[in-house]
All heavy atoms as atom14 arrays in JSON, in Angstrom:
{
  "sequence": "AGTGFTKAFVLALTNPYQILFWLTIGVGLLDPGTLDVLAETPYVGAR",
  "atom14_mask": [
    [1, 1, 1, 1, 1, 0, 0, 0, 0, 0, 0, 0, 0, 0],
    [1, 1, 1, 1, 0, 0, 0, 0, 0, 0, 0, 0, 0, 0],
    [1, 1, 1, 1, 1, 1, 1, 0, 0, 0, 0, 0, 0, 0],
    [1, 1, 1, 1, 0, 0, 0, 0, 0, 0, 0, 0, 0, 0],
    [1, 1, 1, 1, 1, 1, 1, 1, 1, 1, 1, 0, 0, 0],
    [1, 1, 1, 1, 1, 1, 1, 0, 0, 0, 0, 0, 0, 0],
    [1, 1, 1, 1, 1, 1, 1, 1, 1, 0, 0, 0, 0, 0],
    [1, 1, 1, 1, 1, 0, 0, 0, 0, 0, 0, 0, 0, 0],
    [1, 1, 1, 1, 1, 1, 1, 1, 1, 1, 1, 0, 0, 0],
    [1, 1, 1, 1, 1, 1, 1, 0, 0, 0, 0, 0, 0, 0],
    [1, 1, 1, 1, 1, 1, 1, 1, 0, 0, 0, 0, 0, 0],
    [1, 1, 1, 1, 1, 0, 0, 0, 0, 0, 0, 0, 0, 0],
    [1, 1, 1, 1, 1, 1, 1, 1, 0, 0, 0, 0, 0, 0],
    [1, 1, 1, 1, 1, 1, 1, 0, 0, 0, 0, 0, 0, 0],
    [1, 1, 1, 1, 1, 1, 1, 1, 0, 0, 0, 0, 0, 0],
    [1, 1, 1, 1, 1, 1, 1, 0, 0, 0, 0, 0, 0, 0],
    [1, 1, 1, 1, 1, 1, 1, 1, 1, 1, 1, 1, 0, 0],
    [1, 1, 1, 1, 1, 1, 1, 1, 1, 0, 0, 0, 0, 0],
    [1, 1, 1, 1, 1, 1, 1, 1, 0, 0, 0, 0, 0, 0],
    [1, 1, 1, 1, 1, 1, 1, 1, 0, 0, 0, 0, 0, 0],
    [1, 1, 1, 1, 1, 1, 1, 1, 1, 1, 1, 0, 0, 0],
    [1, 1, 1, 1, 1, 1, 1, 1, 1, 1, 1, 1, 1, 1],
    [1, 1, 1, 1, 1, 1, 1, 1, 0, 0, 0, 0, 0, 0],
    [1, 1, 1, 1, 1, 1, 1, 0, 0, 0, 0, 0, 0, 0],
    [1, 1, 1, 1, 1, 1, 1, 1, 0, 0, 0, 0, 0, 0],
    [1, 1, 1, 1, 0, 0, 0, 0, 0, 0, 0, 0, 0, 0],
    [1, 1, 1, 1, 1, 1, 1, 0, 0, 0, 0, 0, 0, 0],
    [1, 1, 1, 1, 0, 0, 0, 0, 0, 0, 0, 0, 0, 0],
    [1, 1, 1, 1, 1, 1, 1, 1, 0, 0, 0, 0, 0, 0],
    [1, 1, 1, 1, 1, 1, 1, 1, 0, 0, 0, 0, 0, 0],
    [1, 1, 1, 1, 1, 1, 1, 1, 0, 0, 0, 0, 0, 0],
    [1, 1, 1, 1, 1, 1, 1, 0, 0, 0, 0, 0, 0, 0],
    [1, 1, 1, 1, 0, 0, 0, 0, 0, 0, 0, 0, 0, 0],
    [1, 1, 1, 1, 1, 1, 1, 0, 0, 0, 0, 0, 0, 0],
    [1, 1, 1, 1, 1, 1, 1, 1, 0, 0, 0, 0, 0, 0],
    [1, 1, 1, 1, 1, 1, 1, 1, 0, 0, 0, 0, 0, 0],
    [1, 1, 1, 1, 1, 1, 1, 0, 0, 0, 0, 0, 0, 0],
    [1, 1, 1, 1, 1, 1, 1, 1, 0, 0, 0, 0, 0, 0],
    [1, 1, 1, 1, 1, 0, 0, 0, 0, 0, 0, 0, 0, 0],
    [1, 1, 1, 1, 1, 1, 1, 1, 1, 0, 0, 0, 0, 0],
    [1, 1, 1, 1, 1, 1, 1, 0, 0, 0, 0, 0, 0, 0],
    [1, 1, 1, 1, 1, 1, 1, 0, 0, 0, 0, 0, 0, 0],
    [1, 1, 1, 1, 1, 1, 1, 1, 1, 1, 1, 1, 0, 0],
    [1, 1, 1, 1, 1, 1, 1, 0, 0, 0, 0, 0, 0, 0],
    [1, 1, 1, 1, 0, 0, 0, 0, 0, 0, 0, 0, 0, 0],
    [1, 1, 1, 1, 1, 0, 0, 0, 0, 0, 0, 0, 0, 0],
    [1, 1, 1, 1, 1, 1, 1, 1, 1, 1, 1, 0, 0, 0]
  ],
  "atom14_positions": [
    [[0.56, 45.45, 2.44], [-0.47, 44.66, 1.82], [-0.98, 45.31, 0.55], [-1.21, 44.67, -0.5], [-1.63, 44.33, 2.72], [0.0, 0.0, 0.0], [0.0, 0.0, 0.0], [0.0, 0.0, 0.0], [0.0, 0.0, 0.0], [0.0, 0.0, 0.0], [0.0, 0.0, 0.0], [0.0, 0.0, 0.0], [0.0, 0.0, 0.0], [0.0, 0.0, 0.0]],
    [[-1.21, 46.59, 0.6], [-1.66, 47.37, -0.54], [-0.65, 47.33, -1.73], [-1.05, 47.19, -2.86], [0.0, 0.0, 0.0], [0.0, 0.0, 0.0], [0.0, 0.0, 0.0], [0.0, 0.0, 0.0], [0.0, 0.0, 0.0], [0.0, 0.0, 0.0], [0.0, 0.0, 0.0], [0.0, 0.0, 0.0], [0.0, 0.0, 0.0], [0.0, 0.0, 0.0]],
    [[0.62, 47.33, -1.36], [1.69, 47.18, -2.4], [1.61, 45.86, -3.1], [1.73, 45.77, -4.3], [3.03, 47.38, -1.73], [3.08, 48.68, -1.13], [4.17, 47.28, -2.76], [0.0, 0.0, 0.0], [0.0, 0.0, 0.0], [0.0, 0.0, 0.0], [0.0, 0.0, 0.0], [0.0, 0.0, 0.0], [0.0, 0.0, 0.0], [0.0, 0.0, 0.0]],
    [[1.42, 44.77, -2.33], [1.32, 43.44, -2.92], [0.17, 43.34, -3.92], [0.23, 42.75, -4.95], [0.0, 0.0, 0.0], [0.0, 0.0, 0.0], [0.0, 0.0, 0.0], [0.0, 0.0, 0.0], [0.0, 0.0, 0.0], [0.0, 0.0, 0.0], [0.0, 0.0, 0.0], [0.0, 0.0, 0.0], [0.0, 0.0, 0.0], [0.0, 0.0, 0.0]],
    [[-1.0, 43.85, -3.51], [-2.21, 43.87, -4.38], [-1.91, 44.59, -5.65], [-2.19, 44.1, -6.74], [-3.37, 44.51, -3.6], [-4.64, 44.56, -4.4], [-5.61, 43.58, -4.23], [-4.9, 45.61, -5.32], [-6.77, 43.6, -5.0], [-6.07, 45.62, -6.05], [-7.02, 44.64, -5.9], [0.0, 0.0, 0.0], [0.0, 0.0, 0.0], [0.0, 0.0, 0.0]],
    [[-1.29, 45.77, -5.54], [-1.01, 46.55, -6.69], [-0.02, 45.91, -7.66], [-0.18, 45.89, -8.88], [-0.46, 47.97, -6.24], [-1.4, 48.6, -5.4], [-0.19, 48.85, -7.49], [0.0, 0.0, 0.0], [0.0, 0.0, 0.0], [0.0, 0.0, 0.0], [0.0, 0.0, 0.0], [0.0, 0.0, 0.0], [0.0, 0.0, 0.0], [0.0, 0.0, 0.0]],
    [[1.01, 45.3, -7.08], [2.02, 44.59, -7.94], [1.37, 43.56, -8.79], [1.5, 43.53, -10.0], [3.05, 43.91, -6.99], [4.12, 44.81, -6.38], [5.07, 43.96, -5.6], [6.16, 44.74, -4.97], [7.09, 43.92, -4.16], [0.0, 0.0, 0.0], [0.0, 0.0, 0.0], [0.0, 0.0, 0.0], [0.0, 0.0, 0.0], [0.0, 0.0, 0.0]],
    [[0.56, 42.66, -8.17], [0.01, 41.58, -8.92], [-1.04, 42.1, -9.88], [-1.11, 41.57, -11.0], [-0.67, 40.58, -7.94], [0.0, 0.0, 0.0], [0.0, 0.0, 0.0], [0.0, 0.0, 0.0], [0.0, 0.0, 0.0], [0.0, 0.0, 0.0], [0.0, 0.0, 0.0], [0.0, 0.0, 0.0], [0.0, 0.0, 0.0], [0.0, 0.0, 0.0]],
    [[-1.84, 43.04, -9.51], [-2.89, 43.58, -10.3], [-2.32, 44.25, -11.57], [-2.7, 43.98, -12.73], [-3.72, 44.6, -9.54], [-4.93, 45.11, -10.31], [-5.99, 44.32, -10.64], [-4.97, 46.41, -10.74], [-7.09, 44.8, -11.37], [-6.02, 46.94, -11.47], [-7.1, 46.11, -11.77], [0.0, 0.0, 0.0], [0.0, 0.0, 0.0], [0.0, 0.0, 0.0]],
    [[-1.27, 45.07, -11.43], [-0.67, 45.83, -12.53], [0.04, 44.79, -13.46], [-0.03, 44.9, -14.67], [0.31, 46.87, -12.02], [1.08, 47.43, -13.2], [-0.47, 47.95, -11.3], [0.0, 0.0, 0.0], [0.0, 0.0, 0.0], [0.0, 0.0, 0.0], [0.0, 0.0, 0.0], [0.0, 0.0, 0.0], [0.0, 0.0, 0.0], [0.0, 0.0, 0.0]],
    [[0.77, 43.81, -12.87], [1.41, 42.85, -13.73], [0.41, 42.05, -14.56], [0.66, 41.76, -15.73], [2.23, 41.82, -12.87], [3.63, 42.26, -12.5], [4.31, 41.13, -11.68], [4.47, 42.58, -13.74], [0.0, 0.0, 0.0], [0.0, 0.0, 0.0], [0.0, 0.0, 0.0], [0.0, 0.0, 0.0], [0.0, 0.0, 0.0], [0.0, 0.0, 0.0]],
    [[-0.72, 41.68, -13.97], [-1.71, 40.94, -14.71], [-2.37, 41.8, -15.81], [-2.57, 41.29, -16.93], [-2.84, 40.47, -13.74], [0.0, 0.0, 0.0], [0.0, 0.0, 0.0], [0.0, 0.0, 0.0], [0.0, 0.0, 0.0], [0.0, 0.0, 0.0], [0.0, 0.0, 0.0], [0.0, 0.0, 0.0], [0.0, 0.0, 0.0], [0.0, 0.0, 0.0]],
    [[-2.56, 43.08, -15.55], [-3.14, 43.92, -16.56], [-2.24, 44.17, -17.79], [-2.72, 44.44, -18.9], [-3.49, 45.27, -15.97], [-4.69, 45.34, -14.98], [-4.93, 46.76, -14.54], [-5.93, 44.73, -15.61], [0.0, 0.0, 0.0], [0.0, 0.0, 0.0], [0.0, 0.0, 0.0], [0.0, 0.0, 0.0], [0.0, 0.0, 0.0], [0.0, 0.0, 0.0]],
    [[-0.92, 44.05, -17.57], [-0.01, 44.28, -18.67], [0.48, 42.97, -19.33], [1.47, 42.96, -20.06], [1.22, 45.05, -18.17], [1.86, 44.39, -17.07], [0.83, 46.49, -17.77], [0.0, 0.0, 0.0], [0.0, 0.0, 0.0], [0.0, 0.0, 0.0], [0.0, 0.0, 0.0], [0.0, 0.0, 0.0], [0.0, 0.0, 0.0], [0.0, 0.0, 0.0]],
    [[-0.17, 41.88, -18.99], [0.23, 40.57, -19.49], [-0.68, 40.14, -20.68], [-1.77, 39.7, -20.39], [0.16, 39.5, -18.4], [0.72, 38.19, -18.79], [1.02, 37.94, -19.97], [0.79, 37.28, -17.84], [0.0, 0.0, 0.0], [0.0, 0.0, 0.0], [0.0, 0.0, 0.0], [0.0, 0.0, 0.0], [0.0, 0.0, 0.0], [0.0, 0.0, 0.0]],
    [[-0.2, 40.24, -21.87], [-1.08, 39.9, -23.02], [-1.4, 38.38, -23.06], [-2.42, 37.98, -23.65], [-0.24, 40.31, -24.25], [1.19, 40.29, -23.75], [1.11, 40.72, -22.3], [0.0, 0.0, 0.0], [0.0, 0.0, 0.0], [0.0, 0.0, 0.0], [0.0, 0.0, 0.0], [0.0, 0.0, 0.0], [0.0, 0.0, 0.0], [0.0, 0.0, 0.0]],
    [[-0.58, 37.58, -22.46], [-0.87, 36.13, -22.43], [-2.06, 35.85, -21.51], [-2.77, 34.89, -21.73], [0.37, 35.39, -21.95], [1.55, 35.53, -22.92], [2.63, 36.33, -22.62], [1.53, 34.94, -24.18], [3.68, 36.5, -23.52], [2.52, 35.12, -25.06], [3.64, 35.9, -24.71], [4.64, 36.06, -25.57], [0.0, 0.0, 0.0], [0.0, 0.0, 0.0]],
    [[-2.27, 36.65, -20.5], [-3.4, 36.53, -19.66], [-4.7, 36.92, -20.42], [-5.76, 36.32, -20.27], [-3.25, 37.36, -18.37], [-4.12, 36.91, -17.23], [-3.54, 37.3, -15.92], [-2.39, 37.61, -15.77], [-4.35, 37.22, -14.85], [0.0, 0.0, 0.0], [0.0, 0.0, 0.0], [0.0, 0.0, 0.0], [0.0, 0.0, 0.0], [0.0, 0.0, 0.0]],
    [[-4.53, 37.94, -21.25], [-5.65, 38.37, -22.08], [-5.94, 37.23, -23.09], [-7.14, 36.88, -23.29], [-5.3, 39.66, -22.87], [-5.19, 40.86, -21.87], [-6.41, 39.96, -23.88], [-4.79, 42.14, -22.51], [0.0, 0.0, 0.0], [0.0, 0.0, 0.0], [0.0, 0.0, 0.0], [0.0, 0.0, 0.0], [0.0, 0.0, 0.0], [0.0, 0.0, 0.0]],
    [[-4.94, 36.63, -23.66], [-5.13, 35.52, -24.61], [-5.86, 34.36, -23.89], [-6.74, 33.69, -24.48], [-3.8, 35.05, -25.14], [-3.83, 33.89, -26.11], [-4.65, 34.3, -27.36], [-2.42, 33.48, -26.52], [0.0, 0.0, 0.0], [0.0, 0.0, 0.0], [0.0, 0.0, 0.0], [0.0, 0.0, 0.0], [0.0, 0.0, 0.0], [0.0, 0.0, 0.0]],
    [[-5.48, 34.12, -22.64], [-6.13, 33.05, -21.9], [-7.64, 33.3, -21.79], [-8.46, 32.38, -22.0], [-5.53, 32.97, -20.47], [-6.26, 32.04, -19.55], [-5.94, 30.68, -19.5], [-7.27, 32.48, -18.74], [-6.59, 29.83, -18.64], [-7.95, 31.67, -17.86], [-7.6, 30.32, -17.82], [0.0, 0.0, 0.0], [0.0, 0.0, 0.0], [0.0, 0.0, 0.0]],
    [[-8.06, 34.54, -21.49], [-9.48, 34.81, -21.35], [-10.2, 34.9, -22.66], [-11.39, 34.7, -22.68], [-9.61, 36.06, -20.48], [-9.34, 35.78, -19.04], [-8.27, 36.21, -18.35], [-10.11, 35.02, -18.14], [-8.39, 35.73, -17.06], [-9.46, 34.95, -16.96], [-11.33, 34.29, -18.32], [-9.98, 34.27, -15.83], [-11.83, 33.58, -17.23], [-11.13, 33.58, -16.01]],
    [[-9.45, 35.19, -23.7], [-10.1, 35.16, -25.03], [-10.42, 33.75, -25.49], [-11.31, 33.52, -26.26], [-9.16, 35.78, -26.1], [-9.14, 37.33, -26.14], [-8.06, 37.79, -27.08], [-10.49, 37.84, -26.58], [0.0, 0.0, 0.0], [0.0, 0.0, 0.0], [0.0, 0.0, 0.0], [0.0, 0.0, 0.0], [0.0, 0.0, 0.0], [0.0, 0.0, 0.0]],
    [[-9.67, 32.75, -24.95], [-9.82, 31.38, -25.37], [-10.54, 30.59, -24.25], [-11.74, 30.33, -24.37], [-8.47, 30.78, -25.7], [-7.57, 30.95, -24.6], [-7.87, 31.4, -26.91], [0.0, 0.0, 0.0], [0.0, 0.0, 0.0], [0.0, 0.0, 0.0], [0.0, 0.0, 0.0], [0.0, 0.0, 0.0], [0.0, 0.0, 0.0], [0.0, 0.0, 0.0]],
    [[-9.83, 30.26, -23.23], [-10.41, 29.42, -22.16], [-11.46, 30.16, -21.4], [-12.52, 29.61, -21.09], [-9.27, 29.0, -21.21], [-8.28, 28.07, -21.93], [-9.87, 28.27, -19.99], [-7.12, 27.66, -21.12], [0.0, 0.0, 0.0], [0.0, 0.0, 0.0], [0.0, 0.0, 0.0], [0.0, 0.0, 0.0], [0.0, 0.0, 0.0], [0.0, 0.0, 0.0]],
    [[-11.21, 31.45, -21.05], [-12.19, 32.22, -20.31], [-13.57, 32.29, -20.89], [-14.56, 31.97, -20.23], [0.0, 0.0, 0.0], [0.0, 0.0, 0.0], [0.0, 0.0, 0.0], [0.0, 0.0, 0.0], [0.0, 0.0, 0.0], [0.0, 0.0, 0.0], [0.0, 0.0, 0.0], [0.0, 0.0, 0.0], [0.0, 0.0, 0.0], [0.0, 0.0, 0.0]],
    [[-13.62, 32.7, -22.15], [-14.94, 32.83, -22.81], [-15.52, 31.41, -23.0], [-16.72, 31.21, -22.92], [-14.78, 33.52, -24.17], [-16.1, 33.47, -24.95], [-14.33, 34.98, -23.94], [0.0, 0.0, 0.0], [0.0, 0.0, 0.0], [0.0, 0.0, 0.0], [0.0, 0.0, 0.0], [0.0, 0.0, 0.0], [0.0, 0.0, 0.0], [0.0, 0.0, 0.0]],
    [[-14.61, 30.48, -23.21], [-15.07, 29.08, -23.47], [-15.74, 28.45, -22.29], [-16.54, 27.52, -22.4], [0.0, 0.0, 0.0], [0.0, 0.0, 0.0], [0.0, 0.0, 0.0], [0.0, 0.0, 0.0], [0.0, 0.0, 0.0], [0.0, 0.0, 0.0], [0.0, 0.0, 0.0], [0.0, 0.0, 0.0], [0.0, 0.0, 0.0], [0.0, 0.0, 0.0]],
    [[-15.47, 29.01, -21.09], [-16.15, 28.44, -19.91], [-17.67, 28.56, -20.0], [-18.35, 27.76, -19.34], [-15.61, 29.13, -18.67], [-14.11, 28.94, -18.26], [-13.74, 29.75, -17.04], [-13.86, 27.51, -18.06], [0.0, 0.0, 0.0], [0.0, 0.0, 0.0], [0.0, 0.0, 0.0], [0.0, 0.0, 0.0], [0.0, 0.0, 0.0], [0.0, 0.0, 0.0]],
    [[-18.14, 29.57, -20.67], [-19.62, 29.8, -20.71], [-20.27, 29.21, -21.93], [-21.53, 29.11, -21.96], [-19.89, 31.32, -20.67], [-19.58, 32.03, -19.31], [-19.89, 33.48, -19.45], [-20.35, 31.44, -18.2], [0.0, 0.0, 0.0], [0.0, 0.0, 0.0], [0.0, 0.0, 0.0], [0.0, 0.0, 0.0], [0.0, 0.0, 0.0], [0.0, 0.0, 0.0]],
    [[-19.47, 28.82, -22.96], [-20.07, 28.26, -24.12], [-20.28, 26.77, -23.96], [-19.33, 26.05, -23.61], [-19.15, 28.49, -25.34], [-19.02, 29.95, -25.71], [-19.97, 30.7, -25.41], [-17.96, 30.37, -26.21], [0.0, 0.0, 0.0], [0.0, 0.0, 0.0], [0.0, 0.0, 0.0], [0.0, 0.0, 0.0], [0.0, 0.0, 0.0], [0.0, 0.0, 0.0]],
    [[-21.52, 26.24, -24.2], [-21.78, 24.8, -24.06], [-20.9, 24.01, -24.98], [-20.64, 24.36, -26.12], [-23.26, 24.67, -24.48], [-23.81, 26.04, -24.21], [-22.75, 27.01, -24.56], [0.0, 0.0, 0.0], [0.0, 0.0, 0.0], [0.0, 0.0, 0.0], [0.0, 0.0, 0.0], [0.0, 0.0, 0.0], [0.0, 0.0, 0.0], [0.0, 0.0, 0.0]],
    [[-20.31, 22.91, -24.44], [-19.46, 22.1, -25.3], [-18.28, 21.57, -24.45], [-18.48, 21.33, -23.22], [0.0, 0.0, 0.0], [0.0, 0.0, 0.0], [0.0, 0.0, 0.0], [0.0, 0.0, 0.0], [0.0, 0.0, 0.0], [0.0, 0.0, 0.0], [0.0, 0.0, 0.0], [0.0, 0.0, 0.0], [0.0, 0.0, 0.0], [0.0, 0.0, 0.0]],
    [[-17.14, 21.35, -25.07], [-15.95, 20.89, -24.34], [-14.83, 21.88, -24.63], [-14.78, 22.55, -25.58], [-15.57, 19.5, -24.81], [-15.29, 19.5, -26.21], [-16.68, 18.47, -24.49], [0.0, 0.0, 0.0], [0.0, 0.0, 0.0], [0.0, 0.0, 0.0], [0.0, 0.0, 0.0], [0.0, 0.0, 0.0], [0.0, 0.0, 0.0], [0.0, 0.0, 0.0]],
    [[-13.86, 21.9, -23.68], [-12.72, 22.8, -23.77], [-11.47, 22.08, -23.39], [-11.38, 21.48, -22.3], [-12.97, 23.98, -22.83], [-11.86, 25.04, -22.86], [-11.78, 25.74, -24.21], [-12.1, 26.07, -21.75], [0.0, 0.0, 0.0], [0.0, 0.0, 0.0], [0.0, 0.0, 0.0], [0.0, 0.0, 0.0], [0.0, 0.0, 0.0], [0.0, 0.0, 0.0]],
    [[-10.48, 22.04, -24.28], [-9.2, 21.49, -24.02], [-8.32, 22.52, -23.34], [-7.72, 23.37, -23.98], [-8.51, 21.03, -25.36], [-7.35, 20.07, -25.08], [-6.74, 20.17, -24.0], [-7.02, 19.31, -26.0], [0.0, 0.0, 0.0], [0.0, 0.0, 0.0], [0.0, 0.0, 0.0], [0.0, 0.0, 0.0], [0.0, 0.0, 0.0], [0.0, 0.0, 0.0]],
    [[-8.29, 22.54, -22.01], [-7.69, 23.57, -21.22], [-6.19, 23.73, -21.48], [-5.69, 24.83, -21.8], [-7.94, 23.35, -19.72], [-7.26, 24.45, -18.88], [-9.45, 23.29, -19.43], [0.0, 0.0, 0.0], [0.0, 0.0, 0.0], [0.0, 0.0, 0.0], [0.0, 0.0, 0.0], [0.0, 0.0, 0.0], [0.0, 0.0, 0.0], [0.0, 0.0, 0.0]],
    [[-5.44, 22.65, -21.34], [-3.98, 22.79, -21.47], [-3.47, 23.01, -22.88], [-2.36, 23.46, -23.06], [-3.29, 21.47, -20.9], [-3.58, 21.2, -19.44], [-2.9, 19.92, -19.01], [-3.17, 22.33, -18.52], [0.0, 0.0, 0.0], [0.0, 0.0, 0.0], [0.0, 0.0, 0.0], [0.0, 0.0, 0.0], [0.0, 0.0, 0.0], [0.0, 0.0, 0.0]],
    [[-4.34, 22.76, -23.86], [-3.91, 23.03, -25.23], [-3.66, 24.5, -25.52], [-2.91, 24.85, -26.5], [-4.98, 22.52, -26.22], [0.0, 0.0, 0.0], [0.0, 0.0, 0.0], [0.0, 0.0, 0.0], [0.0, 0.0, 0.0], [0.0, 0.0, 0.0], [0.0, 0.0, 0.0], [0.0, 0.0, 0.0], [0.0, 0.0, 0.0], [0.0, 0.0, 0.0]],
    [[-4.23, 25.37, -24.64], [-4.03, 26.84, -24.88], [-2.8, 27.34, -24.14], [-2.54, 28.54, -24.18], [-5.29, 27.6, -24.36], [-6.58, 27.17, -25.07], [-6.64, 27.43, -26.54], [-5.83, 28.26, -26.99], [-7.45, 26.83, -27.23], [0.0, 0.0, 0.0], [0.0, 0.0, 0.0], [0.0, 0.0, 0.0], [0.0, 0.0, 0.0], [0.0, 0.0, 0.0]],
    [[-2.04, 26.46, -23.47], [-0.9, 26.95, -22.71], [0.17, 27.45, -23.68], [0.55, 26.79, -24.65], [-0.29, 25.75, -21.91], [-1.29, 25.22, -21.09], [0.84, 26.28, -21.02], [0.0, 0.0, 0.0], [0.0, 0.0, 0.0], [0.0, 0.0, 0.0], [0.0, 0.0, 0.0], [0.0, 0.0, 0.0], [0.0, 0.0, 0.0], [0.0, 0.0, 0.0]],
    [[0.7, 28.71, -23.4], [1.71, 29.25, -24.31], [2.98, 28.3, -24.41], [3.35, 27.71, -23.43], [2.11, 30.54, -23.64], [0.88, 30.93, -22.86], [0.35, 29.6, -22.36], [0.0, 0.0, 0.0], [0.0, 0.0, 0.0], [0.0, 0.0, 0.0], [0.0, 0.0, 0.0], [0.0, 0.0, 0.0], [0.0, 0.0, 0.0], [0.0, 0.0, 0.0]],
    [[3.53, 28.17, -25.57], [4.77, 27.45, -25.88], [4.63, 25.96, -25.86], [5.18, 25.27, -26.73], [5.89, 27.87, -24.89], [6.12, 29.33, -24.84], [5.91, 30.05, -23.59], [6.54, 30.09, -25.91], [6.13, 31.37, -23.5], [6.78, 31.47, -25.82], [6.55, 32.07, -24.62], [6.73, 33.43, -24.55], [0.0, 0.0, 0.0], [0.0, 0.0, 0.0]],
    [[3.92, 25.37, -24.91], [3.88, 23.88, -24.78], [2.52, 23.32, -25.0], [2.24, 22.15, -24.73], [4.41, 23.46, -23.41], [5.88, 23.84, -23.26], [3.55, 24.05, -22.23], [0.0, 0.0, 0.0], [0.0, 0.0, 0.0], [0.0, 0.0, 0.0], [0.0, 0.0, 0.0], [0.0, 0.0, 0.0], [0.0, 0.0, 0.0], [0.0, 0.0, 0.0]],
    [[1.54, 24.17, -25.49], [0.18, 23.74, -25.61], [-0.02, 22.52, -26.54], [-0.82, 21.61, -26.25], [0.0, 0.0, 0.0], [0.0, 0.0, 0.0], [0.0, 0.0, 0.0], [0.0, 0.0, 0.0], [0.0, 0.0, 0.0], [0.0, 0.0, 0.0], [0.0, 0.0, 0.0], [0.0, 0.0, 0.0], [0.0, 0.0, 0.0], [0.0, 0.0, 0.0]],
    [[0.77, 22.46, -27.59], [0.66, 21.31, -28.56], [0.95, 19.96, -27.92], [0.34, 18.98, -28.23], [1.53, 21.57, -29.74], [0.0, 0.0, 0.0], [0.0, 0.0, 0.0], [0.0, 0.0, 0.0], [0.0, 0.0, 0.0], [0.0, 0.0, 0.0], [0.0, 0.0, 0.0], [0.0, 0.0, 0.0], [0.0, 0.0, 0.0], [0.0, 0.0, 0.0]],
    [[1.9, 19.98, -26.97], [2.25, 18.71, -26.32], [1.32, 18.32, -25.24], [1.37, 17.22, -24.73], [3.69, 18.91, -25.74], [4.77, 18.78, -26.82], [6.17, 19.03, -26.22], [6.37, 20.44, -26.0], [7.46, 20.96, -25.42], [8.45, 20.18, -25.06], [7.65, 22.28, -25.33], [0.0, 0.0, 0.0], [0.0, 0.0, 0.0], [0.0, 0.0, 0.0]]
  ]
}
């Protein structure tokens, strides 16, 4: 079980796309207004 936790945690920490998600959608969750969630999806966001 500890191995599974470590795998997922380390992979997430080295994923710049996950960082990009929190720079956009993540911070936007606290800012009053509206947020287009799927528009921030890598590669297919425009569609």
